[in-house]
Amino acid sequence: MTKLIVFGFSYDGLKKLGIHYDYEDLVDLEERGLFPKQVEPRVWIAQEVLQWLLINIDRLPPKPD
């Protein structure tokens, strides 16, 4: 029997990728179907996040000062 290994990003990992949304804003986007669903609190599947990032890279909010 083989086990599937799934990699994920934490909320801090999203920040390092340049996704500078507040957590509440990400939850709102997720509920509207505009951001991948969390698999655990504050953890997202890496492949889904990277696909989303490729599509939405030009819509990201600027990095806060």
Foldseek 3Di string as FASTA:
>chain_A
DDDDDFDKAFLVRCVVVVQPDDPVVQVVCVVVVLAADAPDVRIGGPVRRVVSCVVCVVPHDHDDD
